[in-house]
Each structure stands twice: as structure tokens, then as C-alpha cells.
């Protein structure tokens, strides 16, 4: 619990079925990463890049996804109960 993955390069990695609950994933890049069925509850995912990531059936309960990019992500069956999400803030 409370593992720190801040600014980690997770591109195209397979984390299906993994447990990340309570982890820090701030500014991590998970482009095309596979989180199918992963437990990401209670994680801090501020400014995370999740473009085209697979979050099918992932648990994201109480996760903070502020300023994160979910463009093209697959979220079918994902649990976002009590999660905090906002609009992506892109630099102009």
C-alpha cells in the first residue's frame, strides 16, 4: 500500500489483475497499458496519461483522476464509485 509510481513510464505494460490500491501514480504515463480487472481503488492519479489504456472491469473506487487524460481509454465495466474526475486541462 502507498507504493510510489510518480512519473513512471508504464507504456504498453500489462497490469491486468494487479493491485495498486492506495498507490501514487501522479504524472505516470500509461499509454496503451492494460489494467483489465486491476484494483486501482484509493489511488492518486493526478495528471496521469491513460490514452488508449484498457480499464475494462477495473476498480477505481475513490480514485482521484484530476487533470488526467483518458482519451481513447476503454472503461467498459469499470467501477468509478466515489472517484474524483475533472476535465482534462490541456496547455494551449
Protein backbone atom coordinates (compact mmCIF):
# COMPACT_ATOMS: atom_id res chain seq x y z
CA UNK A 1 0.00 0.00 0.00
CA UNK A 2 1.10 3.55 -0.81
CA UNK A 3 3.58 2.43 -3.46
CA UNK A 4 5.01 5.38 -5.37
CA UNK A 5 4.87 5.29 -9.18
CA UNK A 6 5.14 9.06 -9.66
CA UNK A 7 6.29 9.90 -13.22
CA UNK A 8 6.68 6.18 -14.04
CA UNK A 9 6.82 5.06 -17.67
CA UNK A 10 4.16 2.34 -17.89
CA UNK A 11 3.53 2.50 -21.63
CA UNK A 12 2.09 -0.67 -23.20
CA UNK A 13 2.57 -2.65 -19.96
CA UNK A 14 0.26 -5.44 -18.81
CA UNK A 15 -1.09 -4.88 -15.30
CA UNK A 16 -4.23 -6.98 -15.74
CA UNK A 17 -5.47 -8.30 -12.40
CA UNK A 18 -2.84 -6.29 -10.47
CA UNK A 19 -3.44 -4.49 -7.18
CA UNK A 20 -2.43 -0.83 -6.99
CA UNK A 21 -4.86 0.28 -4.29
CA UNK A 22 -3.58 3.32 -2.42
CA UNK A 23 -0.67 3.89 -4.83
CA UNK A 24 0.63 7.24 -6.05
CA UNK A 25 0.54 7.39 -9.87
CA UNK A 26 0.94 11.15 -10.33
CA UNK A 27 2.24 12.14 -13.78
CA UNK A 28 2.68 8.47 -14.74
CA UNK A 29 2.43 7.63 -18.45
CA UNK A 30 0.35 4.51 -19.11
CA UNK A 31 -0.33 4.88 -22.83
CA UNK A 32 -1.97 1.66 -24.13
CA UNK A 33 -1.39 -0.06 -20.77
CA UNK A 34 -3.66 -2.95 -19.82
CA UNK A 35 -5.36 -2.60 -16.42
CA UNK A 36 -8.15 -5.13 -17.10
CA UNK A 37 -9.62 -6.22 -13.77
CA UNK A 38 -6.95 -4.31 -11.81
CA UNK A 39 -7.69 -2.85 -8.36
CA UNK A 40 -6.82 0.85 -8.57
CA UNK A 41 -9.03 1.91 -5.66
CA UNK A 42 -7.91 4.82 -3.48
CA UNK A 43 -5.09 5.76 -5.90
CA UNK A 44 -3.89 9.27 -6.69
CA UNK A 45 -3.73 9.52 -10.49
CA UNK A 46 -3.33 13.30 -10.84
CA UNK A 47 -2.07 14.34 -14.32
CA UNK A 48 -1.77 10.70 -15.43
CA UNK A 49 -1.69 9.80 -19.13
CA UNK A 50 -4.08 6.90 -19.81
CA UNK A 51 -4.57 7.36 -23.56
CA UNK A 52 -5.92 4.16 -25.12
CA UNK A 53 -5.43 2.27 -21.84
CA UNK A 54 -7.65 -0.73 -21.17
CA UNK A 55 -9.53 -0.28 -17.87
CA UNK A 56 -12.16 -2.95 -18.54
CA UNK A 57 -13.67 -4.13 -15.23
CA UNK A 58 -11.03 -2.20 -13.27
CA UNK A 59 -11.88 -0.97 -9.77
CA UNK A 60 -11.26 2.77 -9.48
CA UNK A 61 -13.38 3.44 -6.39
CA UNK A 62 -12.39 6.63 -4.55
CA UNK A 63 -9.60 7.25 -7.09
CA UNK A 64 -8.50 10.83 -7.79
CA UNK A 65 -8.15 11.33 -11.57
CA UNK A 66 -7.77 15.11 -11.70
CA UNK A 67 -6.19 16.61 -14.83
CA UNK A 68 -5.66 13.10 -16.26
CA UNK A 69 -6.05 12.17 -19.93
CA UNK A 70 -8.33 9.20 -20.65
CA UNK A 71 -8.59 9.82 -24.39
CA UNK A 72 -9.47 6.60 -26.19
CA UNK A 73 -9.39 4.56 -22.97
CA UNK A 74 -11.67 1.50 -22.70
CA UNK A 75 -13.69 1.82 -19.48
CA UNK A 76 -16.41 -0.79 -20.01
CA UNK A 77 -17.46 -2.28 -16.67
CA UNK A 78 -15.01 -0.10 -14.70
CA UNK A 79 -16.13 0.95 -11.21
CA UNK A 80 -15.68 4.70 -10.65
CA UNK A 81 -17.71 4.79 -7.39
CA UNK A 82 -16.90 7.96 -5.42
CA UNK A 83 -13.98 8.75 -7.76
CA UNK A 84 -12.96 12.36 -8.37
CA UNK A 85 -12.73 13.27 -12.07
CA UNK A 86 -12.49 16.61 -13.81
CA UNK A 87 -11.96 17.90 -17.33
CA UNK A 88 -8.58 17.39 -18.92
CA UNK A 89 -6.65 20.62 -18.81
CA UNK A 90 -4.52 20.94 -21.93
CA UNK A 91 -1.87 23.55 -22.38
CA UNK A 92 -2.52 25.99 -25.19
